[in-house]
């Protein structure tokens, strides 16, 4: 499907200063549901890495070998190379290439596998599901407070308020507070989870080793 004659196009993009180049066919040779699932998976890539450039991932790609420093110590049992490449650089681009139709066999990426792949991305490389608990809890707490304020306001003006609004407000507030507290625990778990990857906080792309050492000019520090 990927003609070797298209490789120079990827390498040309690398020579322009990019670190990762993905092949981008003009039209995906799949059914509409497969293309839709692929698009959802690629968006999951962007969410998992926090890099908006990783939305056009493709198995046909070229990247600099120096990027391996970014994930040399990765300890995750579920290795997804495209996510790891996003750890080391944001200089990611695409280039149009020709993609031929499959001559024999069929793709191993079925609908169920792509869905499972997306779940692995969101739970294995992203803390978004943990933070969703905080957002949902905050929403329900706010909703309950609004309902409670509405019920109290109607009572103050002398209107009869049935017991259901008060009950719904209390349930929403207490449920929301519980979810919000769980979300706070989730934030701490997310920090431990991210640290377990052994992802480096920064990557040095160049080392300058021509600076003079201390005392080389003949002047020693005070007290020496």
N, C-alpha and C. Protein backbone atom coordinates (compact mmCIF):
# COMPACT_ATOMS: atom_id res chain seq x y z
N UNK A 1 0.81 -1.21 0.00
CA UNK A 1 0.00 0.00 0.00
C UNK A 1 0.85 1.26 0.00
N UNK A 2 2.01 1.21 0.59
CA UNK A 2 2.89 2.37 0.69
C UNK A 2 4.09 2.16 -0.24
N UNK A 3 4.09 2.76 -1.41
CA UNK A 3 5.19 2.57 -2.36
C UNK A 3 6.50 3.13 -1.80
N UNK A 4 7.59 2.39 -1.90
CA UNK A 4 8.90 2.88 -1.44
C UNK A 4 9.34 4.15 -2.16
N UNK A 5 8.81 4.38 -3.36
CA UNK A 5 9.18 5.58 -4.10
C UNK A 5 8.70 6.86 -3.42
N UNK A 6 7.80 6.73 -2.43
CA UNK A 6 7.28 7.91 -1.72
C UNK A 6 8.16 8.28 -0.51
N UNK A 7 9.11 7.43 -0.17
CA UNK A 7 9.96 7.69 1.00
C UNK A 7 10.72 9.00 0.88
N UNK A 8 11.28 9.36 -0.29
CA UNK A 8 12.00 10.65 -0.39
C UNK A 8 11.14 11.85 0.01
N UNK A 9 9.82 11.77 -0.15
CA UNK A 9 8.95 12.88 0.26
C UNK A 9 8.99 13.07 1.77
N UNK A 10 9.02 11.95 2.50
CA UNK A 10 9.10 12.04 3.96
C UNK A 10 10.45 12.60 4.40
N UNK A 11 11.51 12.11 3.75
CA UNK A 11 12.85 12.56 4.12
C UNK A 11 13.04 14.04 3.79
N UNK A 12 12.41 14.50 2.72
CA UNK A 12 12.53 15.92 2.37
C UNK A 12 11.94 16.81 3.47
N UNK A 13 10.84 16.36 4.07
CA UNK A 13 10.25 17.12 5.17
C UNK A 13 11.16 17.12 6.40
N UNK A 14 11.84 16.02 6.64
CA UNK A 14 12.79 15.98 7.75
C UNK A 14 13.91 16.98 7.53
N UNK A 15 14.38 17.10 6.30
CA UNK A 15 15.45 18.04 5.99
C UNK A 15 15.01 19.49 6.14
N UNK A 16 13.70 19.72 6.12
CA UNK A 16 13.19 21.08 6.32
C UNK A 16 13.21 21.50 7.78
N UNK A 17 13.50 20.56 8.69
CA UNK A 17 13.59 20.89 10.11
C UNK A 17 12.57 20.19 10.98
N UNK A 18 11.71 19.38 10.40
CA UNK A 18 10.73 18.65 11.20
C UNK A 18 11.38 17.40 11.79
N UNK A 19 10.79 16.93 12.88
CA UNK A 19 11.31 15.74 13.55
C UNK A 19 10.50 14.48 13.24
N UNK A 20 9.21 14.65 12.99
CA UNK A 20 8.35 13.52 12.66
C UNK A 20 7.51 13.91 11.45
N UNK A 21 7.46 13.02 10.48
CA UNK A 21 6.67 13.27 9.26
C UNK A 21 5.76 12.07 9.03
N UNK A 22 4.47 12.34 8.94
CA UNK A 22 3.50 11.29 8.66
C UNK A 22 3.02 11.40 7.21
N UNK A 23 2.89 10.25 6.58
CA UNK A 23 2.34 10.22 5.23
C UNK A 23 0.85 10.49 5.29
N UNK A 24 0.37 11.31 4.38
CA UNK A 24 -1.04 11.67 4.36
C UNK A 24 -1.61 11.38 2.98
N UNK A 25 -2.30 10.26 2.81
CA UNK A 25 -2.88 9.96 1.50
C UNK A 25 -4.02 10.92 1.19
N UNK A 26 -4.23 11.23 -0.09
CA UNK A 26 -5.32 12.17 -0.44
C UNK A 26 -6.69 11.64 -0.06
N UNK A 27 -6.86 10.32 -0.06
CA UNK A 27 -8.14 9.73 0.31
C UNK A 27 -7.89 8.37 0.94
N UNK A 28 -8.49 8.14 2.10
CA UNK A 28 -8.31 6.87 2.79
C UNK A 28 -9.08 5.76 2.07
N UNK A 29 -8.42 4.65 1.80
CA UNK A 29 -9.08 3.57 1.04
C UNK A 29 -9.88 2.63 1.94
N UNK A 30 -10.79 3.21 2.75
CA UNK A 30 -11.59 2.39 3.66
C UNK A 30 -13.05 2.79 3.54
N UNK A 31 -13.88 2.05 4.23
CA UNK A 31 -15.30 2.38 4.28
C UNK A 31 -15.51 3.60 5.18
N UNK A 32 -16.70 4.18 5.12
CA UNK A 32 -16.96 5.41 5.85
C UNK A 32 -16.89 5.20 7.36
N UNK A 33 -17.38 4.03 7.84
CA UNK A 33 -17.36 3.79 9.28
C UNK A 33 -15.94 3.56 9.77
N UNK A 34 -15.11 2.94 8.94
CA UNK A 34 -13.71 2.73 9.32
C UNK A 34 -12.96 4.07 9.35
N UNK A 35 -13.24 4.94 8.38
CA UNK A 35 -12.60 6.24 8.38
C UNK A 35 -13.05 7.07 9.58
N UNK A 36 -14.33 6.95 9.95
CA UNK A 36 -14.84 7.68 11.12
C UNK A 36 -14.16 7.19 12.40
N UNK A 37 -14.05 5.87 12.54
CA UNK A 37 -13.39 5.31 13.72
C UNK A 37 -11.93 5.71 13.78
N UNK A 38 -11.27 5.73 12.62
CA UNK A 38 -9.87 6.15 12.56
C UNK A 38 -9.72 7.61 12.99
N UNK A 39 -10.68 8.44 12.58
CA UNK A 39 -10.62 9.85 12.95
C UNK A 39 -10.78 10.01 14.46
N UNK A 40 -11.70 9.24 15.06
CA UNK A 40 -11.88 9.30 16.51
C UNK A 40 -10.61 8.85 17.22
N UNK A 41 -9.98 7.79 16.71
CA UNK A 41 -8.75 7.29 17.31
C UNK A 41 -7.64 8.33 17.22
N UNK A 42 -7.54 9.01 16.09
CA UNK A 42 -6.50 10.02 15.92
C UNK A 42 -6.73 11.21 16.84
N UNK A 43 -7.99 11.57 17.07
CA UNK A 43 -8.28 12.62 18.04
C UNK A 43 -7.90 12.18 19.44
N UNK A 44 -8.08 10.89 19.72
CA UNK A 44 -7.65 10.36 21.02
C UNK A 44 -6.15 10.47 21.17
N UNK A 45 -5.40 10.29 20.07
CA UNK A 45 -3.96 10.50 20.10
C UNK A 45 -3.64 11.92 20.54
N UNK A 46 -4.34 12.88 19.97
CA UNK A 46 -4.09 14.27 20.30
C UNK A 46 -4.39 14.56 21.77
N UNK A 47 -5.47 13.96 22.28
CA UNK A 47 -5.84 14.17 23.68
C UNK A 47 -4.81 13.49 24.61
N UNK A 48 -4.40 12.29 24.25
CA UNK A 48 -3.47 11.54 25.11
C UNK A 48 -2.12 12.21 25.22
N UNK A 49 -1.66 12.82 24.14
CA UNK A 49 -0.34 13.45 24.15
C UNK A 49 -0.41 14.93 24.49
N UNK A 50 -1.60 15.53 24.40
CA UNK A 50 -1.69 16.96 24.60
C UNK A 50 -1.07 17.73 23.46
N UNK A 51 -0.88 17.07 22.32
CA UNK A 51 -0.23 17.68 21.16
C UNK A 51 -1.23 17.69 20.01
N UNK A 52 -1.68 18.88 19.62
CA UNK A 52 -2.69 18.98 18.58
C UNK A 52 -2.17 18.56 17.22
N UNK A 53 -0.83 18.48 17.08
CA UNK A 53 -0.25 18.11 15.79
C UNK A 53 -0.42 16.61 15.51
N UNK A 54 -0.63 15.81 16.55
CA UNK A 54 -0.72 14.37 16.35
C UNK A 54 -2.18 14.01 16.11
N UNK A 55 -2.68 14.38 14.96
CA UNK A 55 -4.04 14.03 14.57
C UNK A 55 -4.06 13.31 13.23
N UNK A 56 -2.92 13.18 12.62
CA UNK A 56 -2.84 12.54 11.32
C UNK A 56 -1.80 11.42 11.35
N UNK A 57 -1.85 10.61 12.39
CA UNK A 57 -0.88 9.53 12.52
C UNK A 57 -1.11 8.49 11.42
N UNK A 58 -0.02 7.86 11.04
CA UNK A 58 -0.07 6.87 9.99
C UNK A 58 1.08 5.92 10.20
N UNK A 59 0.89 4.66 9.83
CA UNK A 59 1.96 3.68 9.98
C UNK A 59 3.14 3.99 9.06
N UNK A 60 2.89 4.75 8.00
CA UNK A 60 3.95 5.15 7.08
C UNK A 60 4.47 6.50 7.55
N UNK A 61 5.62 6.51 8.18
CA UNK A 61 6.15 7.71 8.81
C UNK A 61 7.67 7.69 8.80
N UNK A 62 8.24 8.84 9.06
CA UNK A 62 9.69 8.97 9.21
C UNK A 62 9.96 9.87 10.40
N UNK A 63 10.96 9.54 11.20
CA UNK A 63 11.28 10.37 12.36
C UNK A 63 12.77 10.24 12.68
N UNK A 64 13.26 11.21 13.40
CA UNK A 64 14.68 11.23 13.77
C UNK A 64 14.93 10.25 14.91
N UNK A 65 16.02 9.53 14.81
CA UNK A 65 16.34 8.54 15.84
C UNK A 65 16.70 9.20 17.17
N UNK A 66 17.04 10.49 17.15
CA UNK A 66 17.38 11.17 18.40
C UNK A 66 16.18 11.27 19.33
N UNK A 67 14.97 11.08 18.81
CA UNK A 67 13.78 11.16 19.65
C UNK A 67 13.69 10.01 20.63
N UNK A 68 14.46 8.97 20.42
CA UNK A 68 14.38 7.82 21.32
C UNK A 68 14.79 8.18 22.75
N UNK A 69 15.54 9.28 22.90
CA UNK A 69 15.93 9.73 24.24
C UNK A 69 14.70 10.06 25.08
N UNK A 70 13.65 10.54 24.42
CA UNK A 70 12.44 10.96 25.14
C UNK A 70 11.72 9.80 25.80
N UNK A 71 11.87 8.59 25.26
CA UNK A 71 11.12 7.47 25.82
C UNK A 71 12.02 6.26 26.08
N UNK A 72 13.31 6.51 26.25
CA UNK A 72 14.25 5.40 26.48
C UNK A 72 13.93 4.67 27.78
N UNK A 73 13.40 5.38 28.77
CA UNK A 73 13.12 4.77 30.07
C UNK A 73 11.64 4.54 30.31
N UNK A 74 10.84 4.57 29.27
CA UNK A 74 9.40 4.38 29.43
C UNK A 74 9.10 2.99 29.99
N UNK A 75 8.24 2.93 31.00
CA UNK A 75 7.95 1.68 31.69
C UNK A 75 6.53 1.17 31.42
N UNK A 76 5.83 1.78 30.50
CA UNK A 76 4.45 1.37 30.25
C UNK A 76 4.41 0.00 29.59
N UNK A 77 3.51 -0.89 30.05
CA UNK A 77 3.38 -2.20 29.39
C UNK A 77 2.69 -2.12 28.05
N UNK A 78 2.04 -0.99 27.76
CA UNK A 78 1.33 -0.80 26.50
C UNK A 78 2.02 0.32 25.73
N UNK A 79 2.91 -0.09 24.85
CA UNK A 79 3.74 0.87 24.12
C UNK A 79 3.05 1.25 22.82
N UNK A 80 2.84 2.53 22.63
CA UNK A 80 2.29 3.08 21.39
C UNK A 80 3.30 4.10 20.89
N UNK A 81 4.00 3.77 19.85
CA UNK A 81 5.15 4.55 19.41
C UNK A 81 4.78 5.98 19.04
N UNK A 82 3.60 6.19 18.47
CA UNK A 82 3.23 7.54 18.05
C UNK A 82 3.04 8.47 19.25
N UNK A 83 2.53 7.95 20.34
CA UNK A 83 2.41 8.75 21.56
C UNK A 83 3.79 9.09 22.10
N UNK A 84 4.69 8.12 22.09
CA UNK A 84 6.03 8.34 22.61
C UNK A 84 6.80 9.35 21.77
N UNK A 85 6.56 9.36 20.47
CA UNK A 85 7.22 10.35 19.61
C UNK A 85 6.76 11.76 19.97
N UNK A 86 5.50 11.89 20.37
CA UNK A 86 4.99 13.19 20.78
C UNK A 86 5.59 13.70 22.07
N UNK A 87 6.21 12.80 22.86
CA UNK A 87 6.89 13.24 24.08
C UNK A 87 8.14 14.05 23.77
N UNK A 88 8.77 13.74 22.65
CA UNK A 88 10.08 14.33 22.38
C UNK A 88 10.08 15.56 21.51
N UNK A 89 8.97 15.86 20.84
CA UNK A 89 8.97 17.00 19.93
C UNK A 89 7.55 17.42 19.60
N UNK A 90 7.42 18.66 19.20
CA UNK A 90 6.16 19.14 18.63
C UNK A 90 6.34 19.56 17.18
N UNK A 91 7.51 19.26 16.64
CA UNK A 91 7.78 19.55 15.22
C UNK A 91 7.31 18.36 14.39
N UNK A 92 6.00 18.26 14.30
CA UNK A 92 5.35 17.14 13.61
C UNK A 92 4.56 17.69 12.44
N UNK A 93 4.69 17.06 11.31
CA UNK A 93 3.98 17.52 10.12
C UNK A 93 3.54 16.33 9.28
N UNK A 94 2.86 16.62 8.21
CA UNK A 94 2.42 15.59 7.27
C UNK A 94 2.83 15.98 5.86
N UNK A 95 2.83 15.02 4.99
CA UNK A 95 3.10 15.28 3.59
C UNK A 95 2.23 14.37 2.74
N UNK A 96 1.68 14.87 1.66
CA UNK A 96 0.81 14.02 0.81
C UNK A 96 1.62 12.96 0.07
N UNK A 97 1.15 11.74 0.09
CA UNK A 97 1.80 10.63 -0.60
C UNK A 97 0.72 9.78 -1.28
N UNK A 98 1.18 8.94 -2.16
CA UNK A 98 0.27 8.03 -2.83
C UNK A 98 0.09 6.77 -1.99
N UNK A 99 -1.12 6.33 -1.85
CA UNK A 99 -1.39 5.09 -1.13
C UNK A 99 -2.22 4.18 -2.03
N UNK A 100 -1.66 3.04 -2.35
CA UNK A 100 -2.32 2.11 -3.25
C UNK A 100 -3.34 1.26 -2.51
N UNK A 101 -4.24 0.68 -3.25
CA UNK A 101 -5.23 -0.22 -2.66
C UNK A 101 -4.56 -1.53 -2.25
N UNK A 102 -5.11 -2.14 -1.22
CA UNK A 102 -4.57 -3.42 -0.75
C UNK A 102 -4.84 -4.50 -1.80
N UNK A 103 -3.78 -5.22 -2.18
CA UNK A 103 -3.91 -6.25 -3.21
C UNK A 103 -4.40 -7.57 -2.64
N UNK A 104 -3.90 -7.94 -1.47
CA UNK A 104 -4.30 -9.20 -0.84
C UNK A 104 -4.58 -8.98 0.63
N UNK A 105 -5.39 -9.86 1.20
CA UNK A 105 -5.68 -9.80 2.62
C UNK A 105 -6.56 -8.62 2.97
N UNK A 106 -6.71 -8.39 4.27
CA UNK A 106 -7.51 -7.28 4.75
C UNK A 106 -6.87 -6.71 6.02
N UNK A 107 -7.27 -5.53 6.37
CA UNK A 107 -6.68 -4.85 7.51
C UNK A 107 -7.02 -5.57 8.81
N UNK A 108 -6.04 -5.61 9.70
CA UNK A 108 -6.26 -6.24 11.02
C UNK A 108 -6.95 -5.29 12.00
N UNK A 109 -7.06 -4.02 11.62
CA UNK A 109 -7.70 -3.05 12.51
C UNK A 109 -9.21 -3.08 12.26
N UNK A 110 -9.86 -3.96 12.97
CA UNK A 110 -11.32 -4.03 12.90
C UNK A 110 -11.93 -2.93 13.76
N UNK A 111 -13.25 -2.80 13.69
CA UNK A 111 -13.93 -1.77 14.47
C UNK A 111 -13.70 -1.96 15.96
N UNK A 112 -13.83 -3.19 16.44
CA UNK A 112 -13.66 -3.46 17.87
C UNK A 112 -12.23 -3.18 18.31
N UNK A 113 -11.25 -3.50 17.47
CA UNK A 113 -9.86 -3.25 17.83
C UNK A 113 -9.57 -1.75 17.89
N UNK A 114 -10.15 -0.98 16.97
CA UNK A 114 -9.94 0.46 16.99
C UNK A 114 -10.57 1.09 18.23
N UNK A 115 -11.75 0.59 18.62
CA UNK A 115 -12.39 1.09 19.84
C UNK A 115 -11.54 0.77 21.05
N UNK A 116 -11.04 -0.46 21.12
CA UNK A 116 -10.17 -0.85 22.23
C UNK A 116 -8.89 -0.03 22.23
N UNK A 117 -8.37 0.26 21.04
CA UNK A 117 -7.16 1.07 20.90
C UNK A 117 -7.40 2.47 21.47
N UNK A 118 -8.57 3.03 21.19
CA UNK A 118 -8.90 4.36 21.69
C UNK A 118 -9.00 4.35 23.22
N UNK A 119 -9.60 3.30 23.77
CA UNK A 119 -9.72 3.20 25.23
C UNK A 119 -8.34 3.09 25.86
N UNK A 120 -7.45 2.32 25.25
CA UNK A 120 -6.08 2.19 25.77
C UNK A 120 -5.38 3.54 25.75
N UNK A 121 -5.59 4.31 24.69
CA UNK A 121 -4.97 5.63 24.59
C UNK A 121 -5.44 6.55 25.71
N UNK A 122 -6.76 6.57 25.94
CA UNK A 122 -7.31 7.51 26.91
C UNK A 122 -7.03 7.10 28.35
N UNK A 123 -6.95 5.79 28.60
CA UNK A 123 -6.70 5.33 29.97
C UNK A 123 -5.23 5.02 30.23
N UNK A 124 -4.48 4.71 29.18
CA UNK A 124 -3.07 4.35 29.36
C UNK A 124 -2.10 5.50 29.23
N UNK A 125 -2.52 6.57 28.54
CA UNK A 125 -1.61 7.69 28.32
C UNK A 125 -2.23 9.05 28.65
N UNK A 126 -3.43 9.05 29.18
CA UNK A 126 -4.09 10.31 29.48
C UNK A 126 -4.75 10.24 30.85
N UNK A 127 -4.82 11.39 31.50
CA UNK A 127 -5.49 11.48 32.80
C UNK A 127 -6.87 12.13 32.65
N UNK A 128 -7.35 12.28 31.43
CA UNK A 128 -8.65 12.90 31.20
C UNK A 128 -9.80 12.17 31.90
N UNK A 129 -9.86 10.82 31.87
CA UNK A 129 -10.97 10.16 32.58
C UNK A 129 -11.00 10.46 34.06
N UNK A 130 -9.83 10.61 34.68
CA UNK A 130 -9.81 10.95 36.11
C UNK A 130 -10.33 12.36 36.35
N UNK A 131 -9.97 13.27 35.48
CA UNK A 131 -10.40 14.65 35.66
C UNK A 131 -11.87 14.85 35.33
N UNK A 132 -12.44 13.93 34.59
CA UNK A 132 -13.86 14.04 34.29
C UNK A 132 -14.70 13.94 35.56
N UNK A 133 -14.21 13.18 36.55
CA UNK A 133 -14.95 13.07 37.81
C UNK A 133 -15.06 14.43 38.49
N UNK A 134 -13.98 15.21 38.45
CA UNK A 134 -14.02 16.55 39.04
C UNK A 134 -15.01 17.44 38.32
N UNK A 135 -15.01 17.38 36.99
CA UNK A 135 -15.91 18.24 36.22
C UNK A 135 -17.37 17.86 36.44
N UNK A 136 -17.65 16.54 36.43
CA UNK A 136 -19.02 16.10 36.66
C UNK A 136 -19.48 16.46 38.07
N UNK A 137 -18.61 16.27 39.05
CA UNK A 137 -18.95 16.62 40.43
C UNK A 137 -19.22 18.11 40.59
N UNK A 138 -18.39 18.94 39.96
CA UNK A 138 -18.59 20.38 40.04
C UNK A 138 -19.91 20.78 39.39
N UNK A 139 -20.25 20.14 38.26
CA UNK A 139 -21.51 20.45 37.57
C UNK A 139 -22.72 20.11 38.43
N UNK A 140 -22.71 18.92 39.04
CA UNK A 140 -23.85 18.52 39.86
C UNK A 140 -23.94 19.37 41.12
N UNK A 141 -22.82 19.75 41.70
CA UNK A 141 -22.85 20.63 42.87
C UNK A 141 -23.46 21.98 42.52
N UNK A 142 -23.04 22.53 41.39
CA UNK A 142 -23.59 23.81 40.95
C UNK A 142 -25.07 23.70 40.63
N UNK A 143 -25.46 22.60 39.99
CA UNK A 143 -26.87 22.39 39.67
C UNK A 143 -27.71 22.30 40.95
N UNK A 144 -27.22 21.55 41.92
CA UNK A 144 -27.95 21.42 43.18
C UNK A 144 -28.09 22.74 43.92
N UNK A 145 -27.05 23.56 43.89
CA UNK A 145 -27.11 24.86 44.56
C UNK A 145 -28.09 25.79 43.87
N UNK A 146 -28.17 25.71 42.55
CA UNK A 146 -29.13 26.54 41.82
C UNK A 146 -30.56 26.12 42.13
N UNK A 147 -30.79 24.81 42.17
CA UNK A 147 -32.13 24.33 42.51
C UNK A 147 -32.52 24.71 43.93
N UNK A 148 -31.57 24.61 44.85
CA UNK A 148 -31.83 24.98 46.24
C UNK A 148 -32.11 26.47 46.36
N UNK A 149 -31.34 27.28 45.64
CA UNK A 149 -31.58 28.73 45.67
C UNK A 149 -32.95 29.07 45.10
N UNK A 150 -33.34 28.37 44.05
CA UNK A 150 -34.66 28.59 43.45
C UNK A 150 -35.78 28.24 44.44
N UNK A 151 -35.63 27.09 45.12
CA UNK A 151 -36.66 26.67 46.08
C UNK A 151 -36.74 27.63 47.26
N UNK A 152 -35.59 28.06 47.76
CA UNK A 152 -35.60 28.99 48.90
C UNK A 152 -36.18 30.34 48.48
N UNK A 153 -35.82 30.77 47.25
CA UNK A 153 -36.35 32.06 46.78
C UNK A 153 -37.87 32.05 46.68
N UNK A 154 -38.43 30.95 46.17
CA UNK A 154 -39.90 30.86 46.08
C UNK A 154 -40.53 30.82 47.46
N UNK A 155 -39.86 30.17 48.42
CA UNK A 155 -40.41 30.11 49.78
C UNK A 155 -40.41 31.49 50.43
N UNK A 156 -39.38 32.30 50.15
CA UNK A 156 -39.28 33.62 50.77
C UNK A 156 -40.36 34.57 50.26
N UNK A 157 -40.81 34.36 49.04
CA UNK A 157 -41.86 35.24 48.50
C UNK A 157 -43.25 34.70 48.82
N UNK A 158 -43.33 33.65 49.62
CA UNK A 158 -44.62 33.14 50.07
C UNK A 158 -45.25 32.11 49.19
N UNK A 159 -44.58 31.60 48.19
CA UNK A 159 -45.14 30.58 47.32
C UNK A 159 -44.89 29.20 47.91
N UNK A 160 -45.83 28.31 47.68
CA UNK A 160 -45.69 26.94 48.18
C UNK A 160 -44.69 26.18 47.31
N UNK A 161 -43.73 25.56 47.96
CA UNK A 161 -42.71 24.77 47.26
C UNK A 161 -42.81 23.34 47.74
N UNK A 162 -43.07 22.40 46.85
CA UNK A 162 -43.12 20.99 47.27
C UNK A 162 -41.76 20.51 47.74
N UNK A 163 -41.76 19.37 48.40
CA UNK A 163 -40.52 18.87 48.97
C UNK A 163 -39.54 18.32 47.95
N UNK A 164 -40.00 18.01 46.75
CA UNK A 164 -39.10 17.41 45.76
C UNK A 164 -37.92 18.31 45.37
N UNK A 165 -38.11 19.63 45.12
CA UNK A 165 -36.96 20.46 44.78
C UNK A 165 -35.88 20.47 45.87
N UNK A 166 -36.31 20.52 47.14
CA UNK A 166 -35.32 20.48 48.22
C UNK A 166 -34.58 19.15 48.22
N UNK A 167 -35.34 18.07 48.05
CA UNK A 167 -34.72 16.74 48.05
C UNK A 167 -33.76 16.58 46.87
N UNK A 168 -34.19 17.03 45.69
CA UNK A 168 -33.33 16.93 44.51
C UNK A 168 -32.08 17.79 44.67
N UNK A 169 -32.24 18.97 45.26
CA UNK A 169 -31.10 19.86 45.46
C UNK A 169 -30.08 19.24 46.42
N UNK A 170 -30.58 18.69 47.53
CA UNK A 170 -29.68 18.09 48.51
C UNK A 170 -28.94 16.88 47.92
N UNK A 171 -29.67 16.05 47.17
CA UNK A 171 -29.03 14.88 46.56
C UNK A 171 -27.96 15.32 45.56
N UNK A 172 -28.28 16.33 44.76
CA UNK A 172 -27.33 16.81 43.76
C UNK A 172 -26.09 17.40 44.42
N UNK A 173 -26.31 18.17 45.49
CA UNK A 173 -25.17 18.81 46.15
C UNK A 173 -24.25 17.76 46.78
N UNK A 174 -24.84 16.84 47.55
CA UNK A 174 -24.01 15.85 48.23
C UNK A 174 -23.35 14.89 47.22
N UNK A 175 -24.08 14.51 46.18
CA UNK A 175 -23.48 13.64 45.16
C UNK A 175 -22.36 14.36 44.42
N UNK A 176 -22.59 15.63 44.11
CA UNK A 176 -21.58 16.41 43.42
C UNK A 176 -20.33 16.61 44.25
N UNK A 177 -20.53 16.87 45.55
CA UNK A 177 -19.37 17.04 46.43
C UNK A 177 -18.56 15.75 46.51
N UNK A 178 -19.24 14.62 46.59
CA UNK A 178 -18.53 13.34 46.64
C UNK A 178 -17.73 13.10 45.36
N UNK A 179 -18.35 13.37 44.21
CA UNK A 179 -17.63 13.20 42.95
C UNK A 179 -16.46 14.18 42.85
N UNK A 180 -16.67 15.40 43.34
CA UNK A 180 -15.59 16.39 43.29
C UNK A 180 -14.41 15.96 44.16
N UNK A 181 -14.71 15.41 45.33
CA UNK A 181 -13.63 14.93 46.20
C UNK A 181 -12.91 13.75 45.55
N UNK A 182 -13.68 12.87 44.92
CA UNK A 182 -13.04 11.77 44.18
C UNK A 182 -12.15 12.30 43.07
N UNK A 183 -12.59 13.39 42.44
CA UNK A 183 -11.77 14.00 41.41
C UNK A 183 -10.46 14.55 41.95
N UNK A 184 -10.50 15.09 43.18
CA UNK A 184 -9.27 15.56 43.80
C UNK A 184 -8.31 14.40 44.05
N UNK A 185 -8.85 13.29 44.56
CA UNK A 185 -8.02 12.09 44.70
C UNK A 185 -7.46 11.66 43.34
N UNK A 186 -8.31 11.80 42.31
CA UNK A 186 -7.88 11.43 40.97
C UNK A 186 -6.72 12.27 40.48
N UNK A 187 -6.69 13.55 40.87
CA UNK A 187 -5.57 14.41 40.47
C UNK A 187 -4.25 13.91 41.05
N UNK A 188 -4.29 13.49 42.31
CA UNK A 188 -3.07 12.95 42.91
C UNK A 188 -2.67 11.62 42.27
N UNK A 189 -3.67 10.80 41.99
CA UNK A 189 -3.38 9.54 41.30
C UNK A 189 -2.82 9.80 39.91
N UNK A 190 -3.32 10.85 39.25
CA UNK A 190 -2.83 11.18 37.92
C UNK A 190 -1.35 11.55 37.95
N UNK A 191 -0.94 12.26 38.99
CA UNK A 191 0.48 12.63 39.11
C UNK A 191 1.34 11.39 39.30
N UNK A 192 0.87 10.45 40.13
CA UNK A 192 1.62 9.20 40.32
C UNK A 192 1.63 8.40 39.02
N UNK A 193 0.50 8.39 38.35
CA UNK A 193 0.38 7.66 37.09
C UNK A 193 1.34 8.21 36.03
N UNK A 194 1.41 9.53 35.91
CA UNK A 194 2.32 10.13 34.94
C UNK A 194 3.77 9.89 35.30
N UNK A 195 4.05 9.90 36.60
CA UNK A 195 5.44 9.68 37.03
C UNK A 195 5.89 8.25 36.76
N UNK A 196 4.94 7.31 36.74
CA UNK A 196 5.30 5.92 36.51
C UNK A 196 5.83 5.67 35.10
N UNK A 197 5.58 6.60 34.18
CA UNK A 197 6.08 6.44 32.82
C UNK A 197 7.58 6.68 32.72
N UNK A 198 8.15 7.38 33.72
CA UNK A 198 9.55 7.82 33.64
C UNK A 198 9.78 8.72 32.43
N UNK A 199 8.79 9.55 32.16
CA UNK A 199 8.92 10.52 31.07
C UNK A 199 9.81 11.66 31.53
N UNK A 200 10.85 11.99 30.78
CA UNK A 200 11.75 13.07 31.20
C UNK A 200 11.06 14.42 31.14
N UNK A 201 11.36 15.33 32.08
CA UNK A 201 10.71 16.65 32.08
C UNK A 201 11.15 17.52 30.92
N UNK A 202 12.32 17.25 30.37
CA UNK A 202 12.81 18.01 29.22
C UNK A 202 13.79 17.14 28.45
N UNK A 203 14.06 17.54 27.21
CA UNK A 203 14.98 16.82 26.33
C UNK A 203 16.03 17.80 25.82
N UNK A 204 17.29 17.46 25.94
CA UNK A 204 18.37 18.28 25.41
C UNK A 204 18.69 17.83 23.99
N UNK A 205 18.51 18.74 23.05
CA UNK A 205 18.79 18.41 21.66
C UNK A 205 20.22 18.74 21.26
N UNK A 206 20.91 19.55 22.09
CA UNK A 206 22.29 19.92 21.77
C UNK A 206 23.06 20.13 23.05
N UNK A 207 24.28 19.64 23.11
CA UNK A 207 25.15 19.79 24.27
C UNK A 207 26.37 20.60 23.85
N UNK A 208 26.59 21.70 24.54
CA UNK A 208 27.75 22.56 24.25
C UNK A 208 28.80 22.28 25.32
N UNK A 209 29.95 21.80 24.90
CA UNK A 209 30.98 21.38 25.84
C UNK A 209 32.30 22.08 25.56
N UNK A 210 32.21 23.37 25.24
CA UNK A 210 33.44 24.11 24.97
C UNK A 210 33.63 25.29 25.91
N UNK A 211 32.91 25.27 27.06
CA UNK A 211 33.05 26.34 28.03
C UNK A 211 34.29 26.11 28.89
N UNK A 212 34.99 27.15 29.28
CA UNK A 212 36.18 26.98 30.13
C UNK A 212 35.81 26.48 31.51
N UNK A 213 36.59 25.63 32.06
CA UNK A 213 36.34 25.09 33.39
C UNK A 213 36.72 26.10 34.45
N UNK A 214 36.24 25.90 35.69
CA UNK A 214 36.52 26.81 36.80
C UNK A 214 38.02 26.80 37.10
N UNK A 215 38.62 28.01 37.18
CA UNK A 215 40.04 28.10 37.52
C UNK A 215 40.95 28.00 36.31
N UNK A 216 40.39 27.87 35.11
CA UNK A 216 41.24 27.73 33.95
C UNK A 216 41.97 29.01 33.59
N UNK A 217 41.43 30.17 34.05
CA UNK A 217 42.07 31.45 33.75
C UNK A 217 43.13 31.82 34.77
N UNK A 218 43.30 30.97 35.76
CA UNK A 218 44.32 31.24 36.75
C UNK A 218 43.78 31.91 37.99
N UNK A 219 42.50 32.31 37.99
CA UNK A 219 41.88 32.94 39.14
C UNK A 219 41.02 31.93 39.86
N UNK A 220 41.34 31.56 41.05
CA UNK A 220 40.58 30.58 41.81
C UNK A 220 39.53 31.31 42.63
N UNK A 221 38.43 30.66 42.96
CA UNK A 221 37.38 31.28 43.79
C UNK A 221 37.92 31.67 45.15
N UNK A 222 37.28 32.65 45.79
CA UNK A 222 37.69 33.11 47.12
C UNK A 222 37.62 31.96 48.12
N UNK A 223 38.62 31.91 48.97
CA UNK A 223 38.66 30.88 50.00
C UNK A 223 39.35 29.61 49.55
N UNK A 224 39.71 29.53 48.26
CA UNK A 224 40.37 28.33 47.75
C UNK A 224 41.89 28.47 47.93
